[in-house]
PDB file of N, CA and C in Angstrom:
ATOM      1  N   UNK A   1      57.643  42.234 -37.332  1.00  0.00           N
ATOM      2  CA  UNK A   1      57.502  42.956 -36.090  1.00  0.00           C
ATOM      3  C   UNK A   1      57.372  41.941 -34.949  1.00  0.00           C
ATOM      4  N   UNK A   2      58.013  42.246 -33.848  1.00  0.00           N
ATOM      5  CA  UNK A   2      58.003  41.388 -32.662  1.00  0.00           C
ATOM      6  C   UNK A   2      57.338  42.147 -31.515  1.00  0.00           C
ATOM      7  N   UNK A   3      56.386  41.506 -30.846  1.00  0.00           N
ATOM      8  CA  UNK A   3      55.777  42.083 -29.647  1.00  0.00           C
ATOM      9  C   UNK A   3      55.924  41.080 -28.506  1.00  0.00           C
ATOM     10  N   UNK A   4      56.302  41.591 -27.337  1.00  0.00           N
ATOM     11  CA  UNK A   4      56.467  40.752 -26.152  1.00  0.00           C
ATOM     12  C   UNK A   4      55.492  41.256 -25.098  1.00  0.00           C
ATOM     13  N   UNK A   5      54.654  40.354 -24.582  1.00  0.00           N
ATOM     14  CA  UNK A   5      53.692  40.719 -23.538  1.00  0.00           C
ATOM     15  C   UNK A   5      53.889  39.795 -22.343  1.00  0.00           C
ATOM     16  N   UNK A   6      53.761  40.364 -21.148  1.00  0.00           N
ATOM     17  CA  UNK A   6      53.892  39.611 -19.903  1.00  0.00           C
ATOM     18  C   UNK A   6      52.537  39.513 -19.214  1.00  0.00           C
ATOM     19  N   UNK A   7      52.314  38.402 -18.501  1.00  0.00           N
ATOM     20  CA  UNK A   7      51.151  38.328 -17.621  1.00  0.00           C
ATOM     21  C   UNK A   7      51.366  39.255 -16.430  1.00  0.00           C
ATOM     22  N   UNK A   8      52.605  39.306 -15.930  1.00  0.00           N
ATOM     23  CA  UNK A   8      52.977  40.198 -14.839  1.00  0.00           C
ATOM     24  C   UNK A   8      54.454  40.524 -15.021  1.00  0.00           C
ATOM     25  N   UNK A   9      54.822  41.790 -15.013  1.00  0.00           N
ATOM     26  CA  UNK A   9      56.205  42.188 -15.256  1.00  0.00           C
ATOM     27  C   UNK A   9      57.084  42.124 -14.012  1.00  0.00           C
ATOM     28  N   UNK A  10      56.545  41.603 -12.915  1.00  0.00           N
ATOM     29  CA  UNK A  10      57.306  41.448 -11.682  1.00  0.00           C
ATOM     30  C   UNK A  10      57.154  40.013 -11.199  1.00  0.00           C
ATOM     31  N   UNK A  11      58.278  39.396 -10.831  1.00  0.00           N
ATOM     32  CA  UNK A  11      58.262  38.001 -10.385  1.00  0.00           C
ATOM     33  C   UNK A  11      59.239  37.852  -9.219  1.00  0.00           C
ATOM     34  N   UNK A  12      58.916  36.985  -8.273  1.00  0.00           N
ATOM     35  CA  UNK A  12      59.818  36.693  -7.162  1.00  0.00           C
ATOM     36  C   UNK A  12      60.711  35.516  -7.522  1.00  0.00           C
ATOM     37  N   UNK A  13      61.883  35.462  -6.894  1.00  0.00           N
ATOM     38  CA  UNK A  13      62.781  34.330  -7.084  1.00  0.00           C
ATOM     39  C   UNK A  13      62.022  33.026  -6.848  1.00  0.00           C
ATOM     40  N   UNK A  14      62.290  32.025  -7.670  1.00  0.00           N
ATOM     41  CA  UNK A  14      61.636  30.737  -7.536  1.00  0.00           C
ATOM     42  C   UNK A  14      60.311  30.634  -8.267  1.00  0.00           C
ATOM     43  N   UNK A  15      59.793  31.739  -8.773  1.00  0.00           N
ATOM     44  CA  UNK A  15      58.528  31.740  -9.503  1.00  0.00           C
ATOM     45  C   UNK A  15      58.784  31.865 -11.001  1.00  0.00           C
ATOM     46  N   UNK A  16      57.702  31.936 -11.769  1.00  0.00           N
ATOM     47  CA  UNK A  16      57.820  31.950 -13.222  1.00  0.00           C
ATOM     48  C   UNK A  16      57.464  33.303 -13.813  1.00  0.00           C
ATOM     49  N   UNK A  17      58.204  33.669 -14.859  1.00  0.00           N
ATOM     50  CA  UNK A  17      57.818  34.798 -15.698  1.00  0.00           C
ATOM     51  C   UNK A  17      57.074  34.179 -16.884  1.00  0.00           C
ATOM     52  N   UNK A  18      55.864  34.679 -17.134  1.00  0.00           N
ATOM     53  CA  UNK A  18      54.984  34.075 -18.134  1.00  0.00           C
ATOM     54  C   UNK A  18      54.530  35.160 -19.094  1.00  0.00           C
ATOM     55  N   UNK A  19      54.457  34.806 -20.357  1.00  0.00           N
ATOM     56  CA  UNK A  19      53.981  35.766 -21.339  1.00  0.00           C
ATOM     57  C   UNK A  19      53.821  35.154 -22.706  1.00  0.00           C
ATOM     58  N   UNK A  20      53.810  36.048 -23.697  1.00  0.00           N
ATOM     59  CA  UNK A  20      53.567  35.616 -25.062  1.00  0.00           C
ATOM     60  C   UNK A  20      54.320  36.524 -26.030  1.00  0.00           C
ATOM     61  N   UNK A  21      54.863  35.934 -27.070  1.00  0.00           N
ATOM     62  CA  UNK A  21      55.549  36.661 -28.141  1.00  0.00           C
ATOM     63  C   UNK A  21      54.681  36.573 -29.387  1.00  0.00           C
ATOM     64  N   UNK A  22      54.473  37.717 -30.046  1.00  0.00           N
ATOM     65  CA  UNK A  22      53.768  37.752 -31.325  1.00  0.00           C
ATOM     66  C   UNK A  22      54.757  38.166 -32.403  1.00  0.00           C
ATOM     67  N   UNK A  23      54.741  37.430 -33.511  1.00  0.00           N
ATOM     68  CA  UNK A  23      55.653  37.714 -34.620  1.00  0.00           C
ATOM     69  C   UNK A  23      54.834  37.956 -35.875  1.00  0.00           C
ATOM     70  N   UNK A  24      55.042  39.122 -36.492  1.00  0.00           N
ATOM     71  CA  UNK A  24      54.433  39.464 -37.779  1.00  0.00           C
ATOM     72  C   UNK A  24      55.569  39.711 -38.762  1.00  0.00           C
ATOM     73  N   UNK A  25      55.878  38.751 -39.617  1.00  0.00           N
ATOM     74  CA  UNK A  25      57.006  38.915 -40.542  1.00  0.00           C
ATOM     75  C   UNK A  25      56.751  40.019 -41.558  1.00  0.00           C
ATOM     76  N   UNK A  26      57.841  40.567 -42.101  1.00  0.00           N
ATOM     77  CA  UNK A  26      57.691  41.552 -43.169  1.00  0.00           C
ATOM     78  C   UNK A  26      57.680  40.837 -44.519  1.00  0.00           C
ATOM     79  N   UNK A  27      57.407  41.561 -45.571  1.00  0.00           N
ATOM     80  CA  UNK A  27      57.275  40.968 -46.904  1.00  0.00           C
ATOM     81  C   UNK A  27      58.611  40.561 -47.507  1.00  0.00           C
ATOM     82  N   UNK A  28      59.691  41.114 -47.036  1.00  0.00           N
ATOM     83  CA  UNK A  28      60.989  40.900 -47.681  1.00  0.00           C
ATOM     84  C   UNK A  28      61.596  39.536 -47.375  1.00  0.00           C
ATOM     85  N   UNK A  29      61.478  39.103 -46.108  1.00  0.00           N
ATOM     86  CA  UNK A  29      62.132  37.855 -45.740  1.00  0.00           C
ATOM     87  C   UNK A  29      61.456  37.235 -44.523  1.00  0.00           C
ATOM     88  N   UNK A  30      61.199  35.948 -44.600  1.00  0.00           N
ATOM     89  CA  UNK A  30      60.602  35.224 -43.482  1.00  0.00           C
ATOM     90  C   UNK A  30      61.706  34.639 -42.611  1.00  0.00           C
ATOM     91  N   UNK A  31      61.538  34.658 -41.286  1.00  0.00           N
ATOM     92  CA  UNK A  31      62.567  34.074 -40.418  1.00  0.00           C
ATOM     93  C   UNK A  31      62.613  32.560 -40.557  1.00  0.00           C
ATOM     94  N   UNK A  32      63.807  32.026 -40.387  1.00  0.00           N
ATOM     95  CA  UNK A  32      64.019  30.580 -40.434  1.00  0.00           C
ATOM     96  C   UNK A  32      63.943  29.965 -39.033  1.00  0.00           C
ATOM     97  N   UNK A  33      64.181  30.795 -38.011  1.00  0.00           N
ATOM     98  CA  UNK A  33      64.226  30.287 -36.644  1.00  0.00           C
ATOM     99  C   UNK A  33      63.866  31.413 -35.685  1.00  0.00           C
ATOM    100  N   UNK A  34      63.284  31.038 -34.548  1.00  0.00           N
ATOM    101  CA  UNK A  34      62.994  32.001 -33.483  1.00  0.00           C
ATOM    102  C   UNK A  34      63.570  31.453 -32.184  1.00  0.00           C
ATOM    103  N   UNK A  35      64.138  32.361 -31.391  1.00  0.00           N
ATOM    104  CA  UNK A  35      64.667  31.978 -30.084  1.00  0.00           C
ATOM    105  C   UNK A  35      64.139  32.962 -29.045  1.00  0.00           C
ATOM    106  N   UNK A  36      63.572  32.427 -27.967  1.00  0.00           N
ATOM    107  CA  UNK A  36      63.044  33.241 -26.873  1.00  0.00           C
ATOM    108  C   UNK A  36      63.840  32.873 -25.629  1.00  0.00           C
ATOM    109  N   UNK A  37      64.388  33.878 -24.931  1.00  0.00           N
ATOM    110  CA  UNK A  37      65.233  33.597 -23.770  1.00  0.00           C
ATOM    111  C   UNK A  37      64.947  34.579 -22.644  1.00  0.00           C
ATOM    112  N   UNK A  38      65.083  34.092 -21.399  1.00  0.00           N
ATOM    113  CA  UNK A  38      65.023  34.934 -20.204  1.00  0.00           C
ATOM    114  C   UNK A  38      66.459  35.125 -19.744  1.00  0.00           C
ATOM    115  N   UNK A  39      66.880  36.399 -19.665  1.00  0.00           N
ATOM    116  CA  UNK A  39      68.283  36.712 -19.386  1.00  0.00           C
ATOM    117  C   UNK A  39      68.414  37.806 -18.340  1.00  0.00           C
ATOM    118  N   UNK A  40      69.577  37.833 -17.694  1.00  0.00           N
ATOM    119  CA  UNK A  40      69.934  38.947 -16.821  1.00  0.00           C
ATOM    120  C   UNK A  40      71.300  39.456 -17.256  1.00  0.00           C
ATOM    121  N   UNK A  41      71.560  40.723 -16.927  1.00  0.00           N
ATOM    122  CA  UNK A  41      72.863  41.319 -17.247  1.00  0.00           C
ATOM    123  C   UNK A  41      73.144  42.450 -16.277  1.00  0.00           C
ATOM    124  N   UNK A  42      74.425  42.799 -16.196  1.00  0.00           N
ATOM    125  CA  UNK A  42      74.816  43.927 -15.356  1.00  0.00           C
ATOM    126  C   UNK A  42      75.216  45.100 -16.237  1.00  0.00           C
ATOM    127  N   UNK A  43      75.077  46.288 -15.686  1.00  0.00           N
ATOM    128  CA  UNK A  43      75.561  47.530 -16.279  1.00  0.00           C
ATOM    129  C   UNK A  43      76.233  48.321 -15.182  1.00  0.00           C
ATOM    130  N   UNK A  44      77.149  49.171 -15.554  1.00  0.00           N
ATOM    131  CA  UNK A  44      77.779  50.036 -14.571  1.00  0.00           C
ATOM    132  C   UNK A  44      79.260  49.781 -14.437  1.00  0.00           C
ATOM    133  N   UNK A  45      79.795  50.102 -13.276  1.00  0.00           N
ATOM    134  CA  UNK A  45      81.226  49.945 -13.040  1.00  0.00           C
ATOM    135  C   UNK A  45      81.622  48.486 -12.916  1.00  0.00           C
ATOM    136  N   UNK A  46      82.875  48.237 -13.185  1.00  0.00           N
ATOM    137  CA  UNK A  46      83.376  46.873 -13.053  1.00  0.00           C
ATOM    138  C   UNK A  46      83.114  46.060 -14.306  1.00  0.00           C
ATOM    139  N   UNK A  47      83.419  44.795 -14.203  1.00  0.00           N
ATOM    140  CA  UNK A  47      83.232  43.895 -15.328  1.00  0.00           C
ATOM    141  C   UNK A  47      81.754  43.612 -15.552  1.00  0.00           C
ATOM    142  N   UNK A  48      81.384  43.496 -16.804  1.00  0.00           N
ATOM    143  CA  UNK A  48      80.013  43.141 -17.150  1.00  0.00           C
ATOM    144  C   UNK A  48      79.823  41.647 -16.934  1.00  0.00           C
ATOM    145  N   UNK A  49      78.620  41.277 -16.547  1.00  0.00           N
ATOM    146  CA  UNK A  49      78.298  39.875 -16.358  1.00  0.00           C
ATOM    147  C   UNK A  49      76.919  39.646 -16.941  1.00  0.00           C
ATOM    148  N   UNK A  50      76.641  38.408 -17.288  1.00  0.00           N
ATOM    149  CA  UNK A  50      75.331  38.077 -17.860  1.00  0.00           C
ATOM    150  C   UNK A  50      75.036  36.615 -17.656  1.00  0.00           C
ATOM    151  N   UNK A  51      73.766  36.290 -17.725  1.00  0.00           N
ATOM    152  CA  UNK A  51      73.356  34.899 -17.589  1.00  0.00           C
ATOM    153  C   UNK A  51      72.020  34.677 -18.267  1.00  0.00           C
ATOM    154  N   UNK A  52      71.754  33.431 -18.595  1.00  0.00           N
ATOM    155  CA  UNK A  52      70.494  33.028 -19.213  1.00  0.00           C
ATOM    156  C   UNK A  52      69.872  31.951 -18.334  1.00  0.00           C
ATOM    157  N   UNK A  53      68.592  32.105 -17.996  1.00  0.00           N
ATOM    158  CA  UNK A  53      67.933  31.113 -17.140  1.00  0.00           C
ATOM    159  C   UNK A  53      67.046  30.165 -17.942  1.00  0.00           C
ATOM    160  N   UNK A  54      66.810  30.449 -19.192  1.00  0.00           N
ATOM    161  CA  UNK A  54      66.008  29.554 -20.015  1.00  0.00           C
ATOM    162  C   UNK A  54      65.924  30.020 -21.445  1.00  0.00           C
ATOM    163  N   UNK A  55      65.803  29.065 -22.367  1.00  0.00           N
ATOM    164  CA  UNK A  55      65.701  29.360 -23.798  1.00  0.00           C
ATOM    165  C   UNK A  55      64.675  28.434 -24.430  1.00  0.00           C
ATOM    166  N   UNK A  56      63.881  28.990 -25.337  1.00  0.00           N
ATOM    167  CA  UNK A  56      62.918  28.225 -26.131  1.00  0.00           C
ATOM    168  C   UNK A  56      63.211  28.457 -27.609  1.00  0.00           C
ATOM    169  N   UNK A  57      63.016  27.436 -28.415  1.00  0.00           N
ATOM    170  CA  UNK A  57      63.128  27.558 -29.874  1.00  0.00           C
ATOM    171  C   UNK A  57      61.894  26.918 -30.505  1.00  0.00           C
ATOM    172  N   UNK A  58      60.747  27.627 -30.477  1.00  0.00           N
ATOM    173  CA  UNK A  58      59.516  27.040 -31.021  1.00  0.00           C
ATOM    174  C   UNK A  58      59.583  26.893 -32.539  1.00  0.00           C
ATOM    175  N   UNK A  59      58.779  25.982 -33.050  1.00  0.00           N
ATOM    176  CA  UNK A  59      58.695  25.744 -34.495  1.00  0.00           C
ATOM    177  C   UNK A  59      57.923  26.877 -35.168  1.00  0.00           C
ATOM    178  N   UNK A  60      58.411  27.292 -36.327  1.00  0.00           N
ATOM    179  CA  UNK A  60      57.716  28.277 -37.149  1.00  0.00           C
ATOM    180  C   UNK A  60      56.912  27.509 -38.194  1.00  0.00           C
ATOM    181  N   UNK A  61      55.654  27.268 -37.903  1.00  0.00           N
ATOM    182  CA  UNK A  61      54.812  26.471 -38.791  1.00  0.00           C
ATOM    183  C   UNK A  61      53.924  27.366 -39.643  1.00  0.00           C
ATOM    184  N   UNK A  62      53.915  27.119 -40.932  1.00  0.00           N
ATOM    185  CA  UNK A  62      53.039  27.815 -41.883  1.00  0.00           C
ATOM    186  C   UNK A  62      53.150  29.336 -41.770  1.00  0.00           C
ATOM    187  N   UNK A  63      54.345  29.828 -41.563  1.00  0.00           N
ATOM    188  CA  UNK A  63      54.542  31.270 -41.409  1.00  0.00           C
ATOM    189  C   UNK A  63      54.616  31.931 -42.784  1.00  0.00           C
ATOM    190  N   UNK A  64      53.758  32.913 -42.996  1.00  0.00           N
ATOM    191  CA  UNK A  64      53.813  33.732 -44.206  1.00  0.00           C
ATOM    192  C   UNK A  64      53.779  35.183 -43.768  1.00  0.00           C
ATOM    193  N   UNK A  65      54.044  36.091 -44.690  1.00  0.00           N
ATOM    194  CA  UNK A  65      54.049  37.497 -44.312  1.00  0.00           C
ATOM    195  C   UNK A  65      52.639  37.995 -44.009  1.00  0.00           C
ATOM    196  N   UNK A  66      51.617  37.214 -44.329  1.00  0.00           N
ATOM    197  CA  UNK A  66      50.235  37.605 -44.031  1.00  0.00           C
ATOM    198  C   UNK A  66      49.787  37.155 -42.650  1.00  0.00           C
ATOM    199  N   UNK A  67      50.545  36.255 -42.022  1.00  0.00           N
ATOM    200  CA  UNK A  67      50.100  35.691 -40.748  1.00  0.00           C
ATOM    201  C   UNK A  67      50.877  36.253 -39.569  1.00  0.00           C
ATOM    202  N   UNK A  68      50.228  36.247 -38.448  1.00  0.00           N
ATOM    203  CA  UNK A  68      50.864  36.581 -37.176  1.00  0.00           C
ATOM    204  C   UNK A  68      50.849  35.314 -36.341  1.00  0.00           C
ATOM    205  N   UNK A  69      52.016  34.914 -35.871  1.00  0.00           N
ATOM    206  CA  UNK A  69      52.079  33.742 -35.015  1.00  0.00           C
ATOM    207  C   UNK A  69      52.361  34.166 -33.587  1.00  0.00           C
ATOM    208  N   UNK A  70      51.791  33.410 -32.642  1.00  0.00           N
ATOM    209  CA  UNK A  70      51.982  33.706 -31.234  1.00  0.00           C
ATOM    210  C   UNK A  70      52.641  32.512 -30.557  1.00  0.00           C
ATOM    211  N   UNK A  71      53.597  32.825 -29.688  1.00  0.00           N
ATOM    212  CA  UNK A  71      54.370  31.804 -29.000  1.00  0.00           C
ATOM    213  C   UNK A  71      54.345  32.092 -27.502  1.00  0.00           C
ATOM    214  N   UNK A  72      53.730  31.226 -26.701  1.00  0.00           N
ATOM    215  CA  UNK A  72      53.759  31.436 -25.247  1.00  0.00           C
ATOM    216  C   UNK A  72      55.137  31.079 -24.691  1.00  0.00           C
ATOM    217  N   UNK A  73      55.487  31.730 -23.595  1.00  0.00           N
ATOM    218  CA  UNK A  73      56.725  31.372 -22.904  1.00  0.00           C
ATOM    219  C   UNK A  73      56.472  31.323 -21.411  1.00  0.00           C
ATOM    220  N   UNK A  74      57.301  30.535 -20.740  1.00  0.00           N
ATOM    221  CA  UNK A  74      57.219  30.359 -19.283  1.00  0.00           C
ATOM    222  C   UNK A  74      58.618  29.964 -18.832  1.00  0.00           C
ATOM    223  N   UNK A  75      59.246  30.822 -18.028  1.00  0.00           N
ATOM    224  CA  UNK A  75      60.589  30.547 -17.525  1.00  0.00           C
ATOM    225  C   UNK A  75      60.586  30.627 -15.998  1.00  0.00           C
ATOM    226  N   UNK A  76      61.140  29.619 -15.360  1.00  0.00           N
ATOM    227  CA  UNK A  76      61.292  29.644 -13.912  1.00  0.00           C
ATOM    228  C   UNK A  76      62.552  30.438 -13.563  1.00  0.00           C
ATOM    229  N   UNK A  77      62.413  31.376 -12.641  1.00  0.00           N
ATOM    230  CA  UNK A  77      63.551  32.165 -12.165  1.00  0.00           C
ATOM    231  C   UNK A  77      64.123  31.440 -10.950  1.00  0.00           C
ATOM    232  N   UNK A  78      65.342  30.908 -11.054  1.00  0.00           N
ATOM    233  CA  UNK A  78      65.917  30.134  -9.937  1.00  0.00           C
ATOM    234  C   UNK A  78      66.137  30.996  -8.693  1.00  0.00           C
ATOM    235  N   UNK A  79      66.353  30.323  -7.579  1.00  0.00           N
ATOM    236  CA  UNK A  79      66.616  31.025  -6.316  1.00  0.00           C
ATOM    237  C   UNK A  79      68.028  31.606  -6.238  1.00  0.00           C
ATOM    238  N   UNK A  80      68.949  31.120  -7.052  1.00  0.00           N
ATOM    239  CA  UNK A  80      70.360  31.492  -6.924  1.00  0.00           C
ATOM    240  C   UNK A  80      70.832  32.491  -7.982  1.00  0.00           C
ATOM    241  N   UNK A  81      69.952  33.358  -8.453  1.00  0.00           N
ATOM    242  CA  UNK A  81      70.326  34.376  -9.434  1.00  0.00           C
ATOM    243  C   UNK A  81      70.136  35.761  -8.814  1.00  0.00           C
ATOM    244  N   UNK A  82      70.744  36.790  -9.400  1.00  0.00           N
ATOM    245  CA  UNK A  82      70.592  38.134  -8.820  1.00  0.00           C
ATOM    246  C   UNK A  82      69.183  38.683  -9.008  1.00  0.00           C
ATOM    247  N   UNK A  83      68.764  39.488  -8.040  1.00  0.00           N
ATOM    248  CA  UNK A  83      67.491  40.192  -8.153  1.00  0.00           C
ATOM    249  C   UNK A  83      67.726  41.491  -8.918  1.00  0.00           C
ATOM    250  N   UNK A  84      66.660  42.110  -9.375  1.00  0.00           N
ATOM    251  CA  UNK A  84      66.761  43.395 -10.051  1.00  0.00           C
ATOM    252  C   UNK A  84      67.294  44.445  -9.083  1.00  0.00           C
ATOM    253  N   UNK A  85      68.186  45.283  -9.584  1.00  0.00           N
ATOM    254  CA  UNK A  85      68.773  46.317  -8.737  1.00  0.00           C
ATOM    255  C   UNK A  85      69.184  47.472  -9.635  1.00  0.00           C
ATOM    256  N   UNK A  86      68.870  48.702  -9.214  1.00  0.00           N
ATOM    257  CA  UNK A  86      69.218  49.894  -9.983  1.00  0.00           C
ATOM    258  C   UNK A  86      69.959  50.867  -9.067  1.00  0.00           C
ATOM    259  N   UNK A  87      71.257  50.644  -8.917  1.00  0.00           N
ATOM    260  CA  UNK A  87      72.070  51.479  -8.037  1.00  0.00           C
ATOM    261  C   UNK A  87      72.872  52.520  -8.802  1.00  0.00           C
ATOM    262  N   UNK A  88      73.655  53.315  -8.052  1.00  0.00           N
ATOM    263  CA  UNK A  88      74.483  54.333  -8.681  1.00  0.00           C
ATOM    264  C   UNK A  88      75.691  53.740  -9.393  1.00  0.00           C
ATOM    265  N   UNK A  89      76.233  52.647  -8.871  1.00  0.00           N
ATOM    266  CA  UNK A  89      77.447  52.066  -9.449  1.00  0.00           C
ATOM    267  C   UNK A  89      77.183  50.830 -10.308  1.00  0.00           C
ATOM    268  N   UNK A  90      76.108  50.140 -10.030  1.00  0.00           N
ATOM    269  CA  UNK A  90      75.818  48.913 -10.780  1.00  0.00           C
ATOM    270  C   UNK A  90      74.320  48.704 -10.888  1.00  0.00           C
ATOM    271  N   UNK A  91      73.918  48.052 -11.964  1.00  0.00           N
ATOM    272  CA  UNK A  91      72.516  47.702 -12.197  1.00  0.00           C
ATOM    273  C   UNK A  91      72.437  46.229 -12.585  1.00  0.00           C
ATOM    274  N   UNK A  92      71.443  45.515 -12.061  1.00  0.00           N
ATOM    275  CA  UNK A  92      71.124  44.152 -12.486  1.00  0.00           C
ATOM    276  C   UNK A  92      69.800  44.233 -13.242  1.00  0.00           C
ATOM    277  N   UNK A  93      69.838  43.932 -14.512  1.00  0.00           N
ATOM    278  CA  UNK A  93      68.675  44.054 -15.379  1.00  0.00           C
ATOM    279  C   UNK A  93      68.218  42.686 -15.869  1.00  0.00           C
ATOM    280  N   UNK A  94      66.916  42.492 -15.923  1.00  0.00           N
ATOM    281  CA  UNK A  94      66.311  41.261 -16.418  1.00  0.00           C
ATOM    282  C   UNK A  94      65.497  41.588 -17.657  1.00  0.00           C
ATOM    283  N   UNK A  95      65.506  40.661 -18.649  1.00  0.00           N
ATOM    284  CA  UNK A  95      64.718  40.876 -19.849  1.00  0.00           C
ATOM    285  C   UNK A  95      64.424  39.560 -20.555  1.00  0.00           C
ATOM    286  N   UNK A  96      63.345  39.574 -21.302  1.00  0.00           N
ATOM    287  CA  UNK A  96      63.069  38.501 -22.242  1.00  0.00           C
ATOM    288  C   UNK A  96      63.571  38.998 -23.587  1.00  0.00           C
ATOM    289  N   UNK A  97      64.377  38.175 -24.238  1.00  0.00           N
ATOM    290  CA  UNK A  97      64.949  38.523 -25.533  1.00  0.00           C
ATOM    291  C   UNK A  97      64.373  37.581 -26.589  1.00  0.00           C
ATOM    292  N   UNK A  98      63.908  38.163 -27.688  1.00  0.00           N
ATOM    293  CA  UNK A  98      63.395  37.394 -28.813  1.00  0.00           C
ATOM    294  C   UNK A  98      64.289  37.687 -30.012  1.00  0.00           C
ATOM    295  N   UNK A  99      64.793  36.615 -30.611  1.00  0.00           N
ATOM    296  CA  UNK A  99      65.669  36.766 -31.771  1.00  0.00           C
ATOM    297  C   UNK A  99      65.085  35.976 -32.931  1.00  0.00           C
ATOM    298  N   UNK A 100      64.816  36.683 -34.035  1.00  0.00           N
ATOM    299  CA  UNK A 100      64.408  36.046 -35.277  1.00  0.00           C
ATOM    300  C   UNK A 100      65.655  35.899 -36.132  1.00  0.00           C
ATOM    301  N   UNK A 101      65.934  34.681 -36.558  1.00  0.00           N
ATOM    302  CA  UNK A 101      67.117  34.412 -37.379  1.00  0.00           C
ATOM    303  C   UNK A 101      66.667  34.183 -38.818  1.00  0.00           C
ATOM    304  N   UNK A 102      67.255  34.975 -39.716  1.00  0.00           N
ATOM    305  CA  UNK A 102      66.886  34.923 -41.135  1.00  0.00           C
ATOM    306  C   UNK A 102      67.883  34.141 -41.976  1.00  0.00           C
ATOM    307  N   UNK A 103      69.047  33.981 -41.496  1.00  0.00           N
ATOM    308  CA  UNK A 103      70.086  33.283 -42.240  1.00  0.00           C
ATOM    309  C   UNK A 103      71.360  33.261 -41.436  1.00  0.00           C
ATOM    310  N   UNK A 104      72.442  33.069 -42.113  1.00  0.00           N
ATOM    311  CA  UNK A 104      73.718  32.897 -41.438  1.00  0.00           C
ATOM    312  C   UNK A 104      74.103  34.099 -40.579  1.00  0.00           C
ATOM    313  N   UNK A 105      73.967  35.314 -41.090  1.00  0.00           N
ATOM    314  CA  UNK A 105      74.399  36.498 -40.338  1.00  0.00           C
ATOM    315  C   UNK A 105      73.275  37.476 -40.005  1.00  0.00           C
ATOM    316  N   UNK A 106      72.117  37.304 -40.579  1.00  0.00           N
ATOM    317  CA  UNK A 106      71.066  38.293 -40.400  1.00  0.00           C
ATOM    318  C   UNK A 106      70.063  37.846 -39.340  1.00  0.00           C
ATOM    319  N   UNK A 107      69.772  38.761 -38.403  1.00  0.00           N
ATOM    320  CA  UNK A 107      68.774  38.478 -37.368  1.00  0.00           C
ATOM    321  C   UNK A 107      68.136  39.781 -36.915  1.00  0.00           C
ATOM    322  N   UNK A 108      67.009  39.662 -36.243  1.00  0.00           N
ATOM    323  CA  UNK A 108      66.307  40.801 -35.645  1.00  0.00           C
ATOM    324  C   UNK A 108      66.051  40.447 -34.196  1.00  0.00           C
ATOM    325  N   UNK A 109      66.363  41.379 -33.295  1.00  0.00           N
ATOM    326  CA  UNK A 109      66.228  41.117 -31.863  1.00  0.00           C
ATOM    327  C   UNK A 109      65.353  42.185 -31.212  1.00  0.00           C
ATOM    328  N   UNK A 110      64.518  41.729 -30.294  1.00  0.00           N
ATOM    329  CA  UNK A 110      63.687  42.631 -29.489  1.00  0.00           C
ATOM    330  C   UNK A 110      63.769  42.165 -28.043  1.00  0.00           C
ATOM    331  N   UNK A 111      63.806  43.114 -27.108  1.00  0.00           N
ATOM    332  CA  UNK A 111      63.842  42.770 -25.697  1.00  0.00           C
ATOM    333  C   UNK A 111      62.737  43.519 -24.951  1.00  0.00           C
ATOM    334  N   UNK A 112      62.313  42.939 -23.833  1.00  0.00           N
ATOM    335  CA  UNK A 112      61.349  43.585 -22.941  1.00  0.00           C
ATOM    336  C   UNK A 112      61.786  43.306 -21.507  1.00  0.00           C
ATOM    337  N   UNK A 113      61.853  44.355 -20.709  1.00  0.00           N
ATOM    338  CA  UNK A 113      62.354  44.252 -19.337  1.00  0.00           C
ATOM    339  C   UNK A 113      61.268  43.778 -18.381  1.00  0.00           C
ATOM    340  N   UNK A 114      61.711  43.067 -17.349  1.00  0.00           N
ATOM    341  CA  UNK A 114      60.857  42.708 -16.227  1.00  0.00           C
ATOM    342  C   UNK A 114      61.694  42.776 -14.960  1.00  0.00           C
ATOM    343  N   UNK A 115      61.029  42.689 -13.794  1.00  0.00           N
ATOM    344  CA  UNK A 115      61.734  42.805 -12.510  1.00  0.00           C
ATOM    345  C   UNK A 115      61.706  41.490 -11.755  1.00  0.00           C
ATOM    346  N   UNK A 116      62.827  41.199 -11.110  1.00  0.00           N
ATOM    347  CA  UNK A 116      62.922  40.019 -10.246  1.00  0.00           C
ATOM    348  C   UNK A 116      63.134  40.522  -8.819  1.00  0.00           C
ATOM    349  N   UNK A 117      62.279  40.076  -7.903  1.00  0.00           N
ATOM    350  CA  UNK A 117      62.327  40.502  -6.509  1.00  0.00           C
ATOM    351  C   UNK A 117      62.723  39.329  -5.618  1.00  0.00           C
ATOM    352  N   UNK A 118      63.196  39.604  -4.396  1.00  0.00           N
ATOM    353  CA  UNK A 118      63.475  38.514  -3.458  1.00  0.00           C
ATOM    354  C   UNK A 118      62.172  37.803  -3.076  1.00  0.00           C
ATOM    355  N   UNK A 119      62.291  36.596  -2.561  1.00  0.00           N
ATOM    356  CA  UNK A 119      61.107  35.851  -2.127  1.00  0.00           C
ATOM    357  C   UNK A 119      60.383  36.600  -1.020  1.00  0.00           C
ATOM    358  N   UNK A 120      59.072  36.466  -1.018  1.00  0.00           N
ATOM    359  CA  UNK A 120      58.206  37.040   0.020  1.00  0.00           C
ATOM    360  C   UNK A 120      58.373  38.548   0.168  1.00  0.00           C
ATOM    361  N   UNK A 121      58.645  39.224  -0.924  1.00  0.00           N
ATOM    362  CA  UNK A 121      58.758  40.693  -0.838  1.00  0.00           C
ATOM    363  C   UNK A 121      57.383  41.309  -1.086  1.00  0.00           C
ATOM    364  N   UNK A 122      57.157  42.442  -0.566  1.00  0.00           N
ATOM    365  CA  UNK A 122      55.926  43.152  -0.815  1.00  0.00           C
ATOM    366  C   UNK A 122      56.133  44.073  -2.003  1.00  0.00           C
ATOM    367  N   UNK A 123      55.126  44.316  -2.746  1.00  0.00           N
ATOM    368  CA  UNK A 123      55.248  45.092  -3.999  1.00  0.00           C
ATOM    369  C   UNK A 123      54.722  46.475  -3.827  1.00  0.00           C
TER     370      UNK A 123
END
């Protein structure tokens, strides 16, 4: 099981999104690798677009199905990326994606959304 928690789910351009990922493996198979990434993507009309502003690959040390491991993350949101937007024709969505890799083709992915606002915006 993967849980993603944020210190604050809203961040301004140029600031950091900070949080923590908790991983509780199941009894059947332990992950070989974990990847945590801050990403944006578009939905709606027109061509889809996506980008990644940061990726972490922390070490899985002493992981057993009885243990829960926690991994902090901190990603800086650059000034030159799109802000969150939910319009009628297009949406800009931001999320932290956690991928547990079990082998060559098998993985488990969980995402959690957050918002990116322009600098000096009021909330």
